[in-house]
């Protein structure tokens, strides 16, 4: 999981500080998420999934499909 959030950040040429500001946390806290030294709260996972236009399942390593799931009720 942790390598995925780092990879997504690096793919967009963003700094840890950029994501920390978006998430309203410190750069140190965000760095600890990427290193796996701190559990990522559900609301932060959801925010990261929205930011990167992917699913929480992708971030957690439950799927290799990067694109987000369609909203419920979408054909």
PDB file of N, CA and C in Angstrom:
ATOM      1  N   UNK A   1       0.831  -1.186   0.000  1.00  0.00           N
ATOM      2  CA  UNK A   1       0.000   0.000   0.000  1.00  0.00           C
ATOM      3  C   UNK A   1       0.876   1.251   0.000  1.00  0.00           C
ATOM      4  N   UNK A   2       1.865   1.274   0.843  1.00  0.00           N
ATOM      5  CA  UNK A   2       2.655   2.486   1.028  1.00  0.00           C
ATOM      6  C   UNK A   2       3.421   2.858  -0.235  1.00  0.00           C
ATOM      7  N   UNK A   3       3.903   1.844  -0.944  1.00  0.00           N
ATOM      8  CA  UNK A   3       4.618   2.128  -2.182  1.00  0.00           C
ATOM      9  C   UNK A   3       3.687   2.696  -3.244  1.00  0.00           C
ATOM     10  N   UNK A   4       2.403   2.365  -3.170  1.00  0.00           N
ATOM     11  CA  UNK A   4       1.452   2.883  -4.158  1.00  0.00           C
ATOM     12  C   UNK A   4       1.204   4.369  -3.959  1.00  0.00           C
ATOM     13  N   UNK A   5       1.057   4.809  -2.729  1.00  0.00           N
ATOM     14  CA  UNK A   5       0.815   6.244  -2.556  1.00  0.00           C
ATOM     15  C   UNK A   5       2.062   7.047  -2.931  1.00  0.00           C
ATOM     16  N   UNK A   6       3.215   6.474  -2.697  1.00  0.00           N
ATOM     17  CA  UNK A   6       4.447   7.162  -3.108  1.00  0.00           C
ATOM     18  C   UNK A   6       4.547   7.204  -4.633  1.00  0.00           C
ATOM     19  N   UNK A   7       4.280   6.083  -5.268  1.00  0.00           N
ATOM     20  CA  UNK A   7       4.357   6.005  -6.723  1.00  0.00           C
ATOM     21  C   UNK A   7       3.374   6.969  -7.389  1.00  0.00           C
ATOM     22  N   UNK A   8       2.155   7.028  -6.882  1.00  0.00           N
ATOM     23  CA  UNK A   8       1.162   7.946  -7.444  1.00  0.00           C
ATOM     24  C   UNK A   8       1.614   9.397  -7.290  1.00  0.00           C
ATOM     25  N   UNK A   9       2.181   9.715  -6.142  1.00  0.00           N
ATOM     26  CA  UNK A   9       2.686  11.076  -5.915  1.00  0.00           C
ATOM     27  C   UNK A   9       3.814  11.403  -6.884  1.00  0.00           C
ATOM     28  N   UNK A  10       4.759  10.484  -7.014  1.00  0.00           N
ATOM     29  CA  UNK A  10       5.911  10.720  -7.886  1.00  0.00           C
ATOM     30  C   UNK A  10       5.508  10.779  -9.353  1.00  0.00           C
ATOM     31  N   UNK A  11       4.491   9.987  -9.749  1.00  0.00           N
ATOM     32  CA  UNK A  11       4.015  10.024 -11.135  1.00  0.00           C
ATOM     33  C   UNK A  11       3.525  11.418 -11.524  1.00  0.00           C
ATOM     34  N   UNK A  12       3.056  12.176 -10.552  1.00  0.00           N
ATOM     35  CA  UNK A  12       2.545  13.520 -10.811  1.00  0.00           C
ATOM     36  C   UNK A  12       3.567  14.603 -10.445  1.00  0.00           C
ATOM     37  N   UNK A  13       4.795  14.175 -10.169  1.00  0.00           N
ATOM     38  CA  UNK A  13       5.876  15.110  -9.818  1.00  0.00           C
ATOM     39  C   UNK A  13       5.498  16.028  -8.664  1.00  0.00           C
ATOM     40  N   UNK A  14       4.881  15.441  -7.641  1.00  0.00           N
ATOM     41  CA  UNK A  14       4.492  16.195  -6.455  1.00  0.00           C
ATOM     42  C   UNK A  14       5.456  15.910  -5.318  1.00  0.00           C
ATOM     43  N   UNK A  15       5.582  16.879  -4.443  1.00  0.00           N
ATOM     44  CA  UNK A  15       6.398  16.702  -3.239  1.00  0.00           C
ATOM     45  C   UNK A  15       5.502  16.174  -2.121  1.00  0.00           C
ATOM     46  N   UNK A  16       6.110  15.581  -1.118  1.00  0.00           N
ATOM     47  CA  UNK A  16       5.344  15.160   0.051  1.00  0.00           C
ATOM     48  C   UNK A  16       4.618  16.351   0.657  1.00  0.00           C
ATOM     49  N   UNK A  17       5.242  17.496   0.647  1.00  0.00           N
ATOM     50  CA  UNK A  17       4.643  18.708   1.205  1.00  0.00           C
ATOM     51  C   UNK A  17       3.352  19.074   0.479  1.00  0.00           C
ATOM     52  N   UNK A  18       3.318  18.850  -0.837  1.00  0.00           N
ATOM     53  CA  UNK A  18       2.111  19.149  -1.611  1.00  0.00           C
ATOM     54  C   UNK A  18       0.929  18.317  -1.125  1.00  0.00           C
ATOM     55  N   UNK A  19       1.164  17.023  -0.924  1.00  0.00           N
ATOM     56  CA  UNK A  19       0.093  16.145  -0.437  1.00  0.00           C
ATOM     57  C   UNK A  19      -0.246  16.448   1.007  1.00  0.00           C
ATOM     58  N   UNK A  20       0.746  16.767   1.797  1.00  0.00           N
ATOM     59  CA  UNK A  20       0.495  17.108   3.197  1.00  0.00           C
ATOM     60  C   UNK A  20      -0.413  18.332   3.297  1.00  0.00           C
ATOM     61  N   UNK A  21      -0.177  19.324   2.470  1.00  0.00           N
ATOM     62  CA  UNK A  21      -1.033  20.508   2.475  1.00  0.00           C
ATOM     63  C   UNK A  21      -2.453  20.150   2.064  1.00  0.00           C
ATOM     64  N   UNK A  22      -2.601  19.323   1.043  1.00  0.00           N
ATOM     65  CA  UNK A  22      -3.927  18.894   0.588  1.00  0.00           C
ATOM     66  C   UNK A  22      -4.667  18.146   1.703  1.00  0.00           C
ATOM     67  N   UNK A  23      -3.936  17.325   2.435  1.00  0.00           N
ATOM     68  CA  UNK A  23      -4.534  16.503   3.494  1.00  0.00           C
ATOM     69  C   UNK A  23      -4.616  17.229   4.839  1.00  0.00           C
ATOM     70  N   UNK A  24      -4.078  18.434   4.911  1.00  0.00           N
ATOM     71  CA  UNK A  24      -4.068  19.221   6.159  1.00  0.00           C
ATOM     72  C   UNK A  24      -3.319  18.481   7.276  1.00  0.00           C
ATOM     73  N   UNK A  25      -2.139  17.991   6.909  1.00  0.00           N
ATOM     74  CA  UNK A  25      -1.271  17.347   7.901  1.00  0.00           C
ATOM     75  C   UNK A  25       0.149  17.845   7.660  1.00  0.00           C
ATOM     76  N   UNK A  26       1.055  17.447   8.510  1.00  0.00           N
ATOM     77  CA  UNK A  26       2.449  17.869   8.326  1.00  0.00           C
ATOM     78  C   UNK A  26       3.137  16.982   7.287  1.00  0.00           C
ATOM     79  N   UNK A  27       4.223  17.482   6.752  1.00  0.00           N
ATOM     80  CA  UNK A  27       5.020  16.687   5.805  1.00  0.00           C
ATOM     81  C   UNK A  27       5.564  15.455   6.498  1.00  0.00           C
ATOM     82  N   UNK A  28       5.917  15.581   7.761  1.00  0.00           N
ATOM     83  CA  UNK A  28       6.440  14.443   8.530  1.00  0.00           C
ATOM     84  C   UNK A  28       5.377  13.356   8.655  1.00  0.00           C
ATOM     85  N   UNK A  29       4.133  13.752   8.950  1.00  0.00           N
ATOM     86  CA  UNK A  29       3.043  12.772   9.053  1.00  0.00           C
ATOM     87  C   UNK A  29       2.839  12.075   7.718  1.00  0.00           C
ATOM     88  N   UNK A  30       2.818  12.850   6.631  1.00  0.00           N
ATOM     89  CA  UNK A  30       2.635  12.241   5.318  1.00  0.00           C
ATOM     90  C   UNK A  30       3.796  11.296   4.986  1.00  0.00           C
ATOM     91  N   UNK A  31       5.000  11.698   5.305  1.00  0.00           N
ATOM     92  CA  UNK A  31       6.163  10.845   5.068  1.00  0.00           C
ATOM     93  C   UNK A  31       6.019   9.512   5.803  1.00  0.00           C
ATOM     94  N   UNK A  32       5.503   9.560   7.007  1.00  0.00           N
ATOM     95  CA  UNK A  32       5.310   8.334   7.785  1.00  0.00           C
ATOM     96  C   UNK A  32       4.250   7.437   7.165  1.00  0.00           C
ATOM     97  N   UNK A  33       3.238   8.032   6.511  1.00  0.00           N
ATOM     98  CA  UNK A  33       2.269   7.218   5.761  1.00  0.00           C
ATOM     99  C   UNK A  33       2.982   6.467   4.646  1.00  0.00           C
ATOM    100  N   UNK A  34       3.812   7.168   3.881  1.00  0.00           N
ATOM    101  CA  UNK A  34       4.525   6.553   2.759  1.00  0.00           C
ATOM    102  C   UNK A  34       5.508   5.484   3.216  1.00  0.00           C
ATOM    103  N   UNK A  35       6.109   5.668   4.353  1.00  0.00           N
ATOM    104  CA  UNK A  35       7.096   4.708   4.859  1.00  0.00           C
ATOM    105  C   UNK A  35       6.455   3.543   5.611  1.00  0.00           C
ATOM    106  N   UNK A  36       5.167   3.632   5.848  1.00  0.00           N
ATOM    107  CA  UNK A  36       4.484   2.580   6.588  1.00  0.00           C
ATOM    108  C   UNK A  36       4.723   2.643   8.081  1.00  0.00           C
ATOM    109  N   UNK A  37       5.170   3.781   8.559  1.00  0.00           N
ATOM    110  CA  UNK A  37       5.441   3.950   9.985  1.00  0.00           C
ATOM    111  C   UNK A  37       4.218   4.433  10.750  1.00  0.00           C
ATOM    112  N   UNK A  38       3.186   4.798  10.003  1.00  0.00           N
ATOM    113  CA  UNK A  38       1.962   5.302  10.619  1.00  0.00           C
ATOM    114  C   UNK A  38       0.774   4.780   9.823  1.00  0.00           C
ATOM    115  N   UNK A  39      -0.230   4.244  10.507  1.00  0.00           N
ATOM    116  CA  UNK A  39      -1.440   3.796   9.831  1.00  0.00           C
ATOM    117  C   UNK A  39      -2.141   4.985   9.203  1.00  0.00           C
ATOM    118  N   UNK A  40      -2.697   4.759   8.023  1.00  0.00           N
ATOM    119  CA  UNK A  40      -3.392   5.828   7.316  1.00  0.00           C
ATOM    120  C   UNK A  40      -4.868   5.777   7.696  1.00  0.00           C
ATOM    121  N   UNK A  41      -5.385   6.843   8.298  1.00  0.00           N
ATOM    122  CA  UNK A  41      -6.801   6.865   8.677  1.00  0.00           C
ATOM    123  C   UNK A  41      -7.711   6.743   7.451  1.00  0.00           C
ATOM    124  N   UNK A  42      -8.883   6.207   7.658  1.00  0.00           N
ATOM    125  CA  UNK A  42      -9.839   5.994   6.574  1.00  0.00           C
ATOM    126  C   UNK A  42     -10.106   7.269   5.798  1.00  0.00           C
ATOM    127  N   UNK A  43     -10.292   8.380   6.499  1.00  0.00           N
ATOM    128  CA  UNK A  43     -10.605   9.628   5.799  1.00  0.00           C
ATOM    129  C   UNK A  43      -9.437  10.107   4.938  1.00  0.00           C
ATOM    130  N   UNK A  44      -8.216   9.793   5.354  1.00  0.00           N
ATOM    131  CA  UNK A  44      -7.041  10.154   4.560  1.00  0.00           C
ATOM    132  C   UNK A  44      -6.951   9.249   3.334  1.00  0.00           C
ATOM    133  N   UNK A  45      -7.231   7.957   3.497  1.00  0.00           N
ATOM    134  CA  UNK A  45      -7.247   7.042   2.350  1.00  0.00           C
ATOM    135  C   UNK A  45      -8.273   7.492   1.321  1.00  0.00           C
ATOM    136  N   UNK A  46      -9.448   7.858   1.790  1.00  0.00           N
ATOM    137  CA  UNK A  46     -10.503   8.316   0.896  1.00  0.00           C
ATOM    138  C   UNK A  46     -10.072   9.584   0.165  1.00  0.00           C
ATOM    139  N   UNK A  47      -9.479  10.519   0.879  1.00  0.00           N
ATOM    140  CA  UNK A  47      -9.008  11.767   0.261  1.00  0.00           C
ATOM    141  C   UNK A  47      -7.912  11.484  -0.769  1.00  0.00           C
ATOM    142  N   UNK A  48      -7.006  10.573  -0.463  1.00  0.00           N
ATOM    143  CA  UNK A  48      -5.946  10.223  -1.413  1.00  0.00           C
ATOM    144  C   UNK A  48      -6.524   9.568  -2.663  1.00  0.00           C
ATOM    145  N   UNK A  49      -7.500   8.693  -2.487  1.00  0.00           N
ATOM    146  CA  UNK A  49      -8.139   8.039  -3.630  1.00  0.00           C
ATOM    147  C   UNK A  49      -8.812   9.083  -4.522  1.00  0.00           C
ATOM    148  N   UNK A  50      -9.511  10.021  -3.924  1.00  0.00           N
ATOM    149  CA  UNK A  50     -10.153  11.084  -4.709  1.00  0.00           C
ATOM    150  C   UNK A  50      -9.115  11.940  -5.427  1.00  0.00           C
ATOM    151  N   UNK A  51      -8.067  12.309  -4.706  1.00  0.00           N
ATOM    152  CA  UNK A  51      -7.029  13.161  -5.279  1.00  0.00           C
ATOM    153  C   UNK A  51      -6.379  12.501  -6.490  1.00  0.00           C
ATOM    154  N   UNK A  52      -6.094  11.204  -6.366  1.00  0.00           N
ATOM    155  CA  UNK A  52      -5.393  10.486  -7.437  1.00  0.00           C
ATOM    156  C   UNK A  52      -6.346   9.830  -8.433  1.00  0.00           C
ATOM    157  N   UNK A  53      -7.650  10.033  -8.252  1.00  0.00           N
ATOM    158  CA  UNK A  53      -8.661   9.467  -9.167  1.00  0.00           C
ATOM    159  C   UNK A  53      -8.503   7.954  -9.276  1.00  0.00           C
ATOM    160  N   UNK A  54      -8.474   7.317  -8.121  1.00  0.00           N
ATOM    161  CA  UNK A  54      -8.356   5.865  -8.057  1.00  0.00           C
ATOM    162  C   UNK A  54      -9.273   5.370  -6.948  1.00  0.00           C
ATOM    163  N   UNK A  55      -9.199   4.098  -6.632  1.00  0.00           N
ATOM    164  CA  UNK A  55     -10.028   3.538  -5.565  1.00  0.00           C
ATOM    165  C   UNK A  55      -9.184   3.283  -4.312  1.00  0.00           C
ATOM    166  N   UNK A  56      -9.861   3.236  -3.189  1.00  0.00           N
ATOM    167  CA  UNK A  56      -9.177   2.872  -1.947  1.00  0.00           C
ATOM    168  C   UNK A  56      -8.649   1.446  -2.070  1.00  0.00           C
ATOM    169  N   UNK A  57      -9.386   0.587  -2.750  1.00  0.00           N
ATOM    170  CA  UNK A  57      -8.914  -0.794  -2.955  1.00  0.00           C
ATOM    171  C   UNK A  57      -7.565  -0.815  -3.669  1.00  0.00           C
ATOM    172  N   UNK A  58      -7.373   0.070  -4.641  1.00  0.00           N
ATOM    173  CA  UNK A  58      -6.081   0.138  -5.325  1.00  0.00           C
ATOM    174  C   UNK A  58      -4.993   0.581  -4.354  1.00  0.00           C
ATOM    175  N   UNK A  59      -5.291   1.606  -3.569  1.00  0.00           N
ATOM    176  CA  UNK A  59      -4.300   2.089  -2.605  1.00  0.00           C
ATOM    177  C   UNK A  59      -3.917   1.011  -1.601  1.00  0.00           C
ATOM    178  N   UNK A  60      -4.904   0.185  -1.215  1.00  0.00           N
ATOM    179  CA  UNK A  60      -4.653  -0.873  -0.235  1.00  0.00           C
ATOM    180  C   UNK A  60      -4.018  -2.122  -0.850  1.00  0.00           C
ATOM    181  N   UNK A  61      -3.904  -2.152  -2.162  1.00  0.00           N
ATOM    182  CA  UNK A  61      -3.304  -3.312  -2.822  1.00  0.00           C
ATOM    183  C   UNK A  61      -4.275  -4.460  -3.028  1.00  0.00           C
ATOM    184  N   UNK A  62      -5.579  -4.193  -2.924  1.00  0.00           N
ATOM    185  CA  UNK A  62      -6.583  -5.240  -3.103  1.00  0.00           C
ATOM    186  C   UNK A  62      -6.918  -5.476  -4.571  1.00  0.00           C
ATOM    187  N   UNK A  63      -6.539  -4.531  -5.423  1.00  0.00           N
ATOM    188  CA  UNK A  63      -6.722  -4.655  -6.859  1.00  0.00           C
ATOM    189  C   UNK A  63      -5.569  -3.951  -7.549  1.00  0.00           C
ATOM    190  N   UNK A  64      -5.296  -4.370  -8.768  1.00  0.00           N
ATOM    191  CA  UNK A  64      -4.279  -3.693  -9.566  1.00  0.00           C
ATOM    192  C   UNK A  64      -4.905  -2.727 -10.563  1.00  0.00           C
ATOM    193  N   UNK A  65      -6.217  -2.602 -10.504  1.00  0.00           N
ATOM    194  CA  UNK A  65      -6.950  -1.688 -11.389  1.00  0.00           C
ATOM    195  C   UNK A  65      -6.863  -0.281 -10.805  1.00  0.00           C
ATOM    196  N   UNK A  66      -6.212   0.638 -11.535  1.00  0.00           N
ATOM    197  CA  UNK A  66      -5.989   1.987 -11.022  1.00  0.00           C
ATOM    198  C   UNK A  66      -7.208   2.891 -11.134  1.00  0.00           C
ATOM    199  N   UNK A  67      -8.038   2.670 -12.155  1.00  0.00           N
ATOM    200  CA  UNK A  67      -9.168   3.580 -12.331  1.00  0.00           C
ATOM    201  C   UNK A  67     -10.211   3.346 -11.245  1.00  0.00           C
ATOM    202  N   UNK A  68     -10.901   4.414 -10.852  1.00  0.00           N
ATOM    203  CA  UNK A  68     -11.867   4.293  -9.758  1.00  0.00           C
ATOM    204  C   UNK A  68     -13.088   3.492 -10.189  1.00  0.00           C
ATOM    205  N   UNK A  69     -13.793   2.979  -9.218  1.00  0.00           N
ATOM    206  CA  UNK A  69     -15.033   2.280  -9.495  1.00  0.00           C
ATOM    207  C   UNK A  69     -16.079   3.295  -9.924  1.00  0.00           C
ATOM    208  N   UNK A  70     -16.993   2.886 -10.808  1.00  0.00           N
ATOM    209  CA  UNK A  70     -18.070   3.819 -11.163  1.00  0.00           C
ATOM    210  C   UNK A  70     -19.019   4.012  -9.981  1.00  0.00           C
ATOM    211  N   UNK A  71     -19.669   5.174  -9.916  1.00  0.00           N
ATOM    212  CA  UNK A  71     -20.619   5.395  -8.818  1.00  0.00           C
ATOM    213  C   UNK A  71     -21.739   4.360  -8.858  1.00  0.00           C
ATOM    214  N   UNK A  72     -22.323   4.016  -7.713  1.00  0.00           N
ATOM    215  CA  UNK A  72     -23.434   3.063  -7.697  1.00  0.00           C
ATOM    216  C   UNK A  72     -24.563   3.530  -8.621  1.00  0.00           C
ATOM    217  N   UNK A  73     -25.155   2.581  -9.314  1.00  0.00           N
ATOM    218  CA  UNK A  73     -26.256   2.902 -10.212  1.00  0.00           C
ATOM    219  C   UNK A  73     -25.818   3.293 -11.614  1.00  0.00           C
ATOM    220  N   UNK A  74     -24.503   3.351 -11.863  1.00  0.00           N
ATOM    221  CA  UNK A  74     -23.995   3.678 -13.178  1.00  0.00           C
ATOM    222  C   UNK A  74     -23.931   2.394 -14.000  1.00  0.00           C
ATOM    223  N   UNK A  75     -24.486   2.413 -15.215  1.00  0.00           N
ATOM    224  CA  UNK A  75     -24.454   1.184 -16.039  1.00  0.00           C
ATOM    225  C   UNK A  75     -23.069   0.806 -16.477  1.00  0.00           C
TER     226      UNK A  75
END
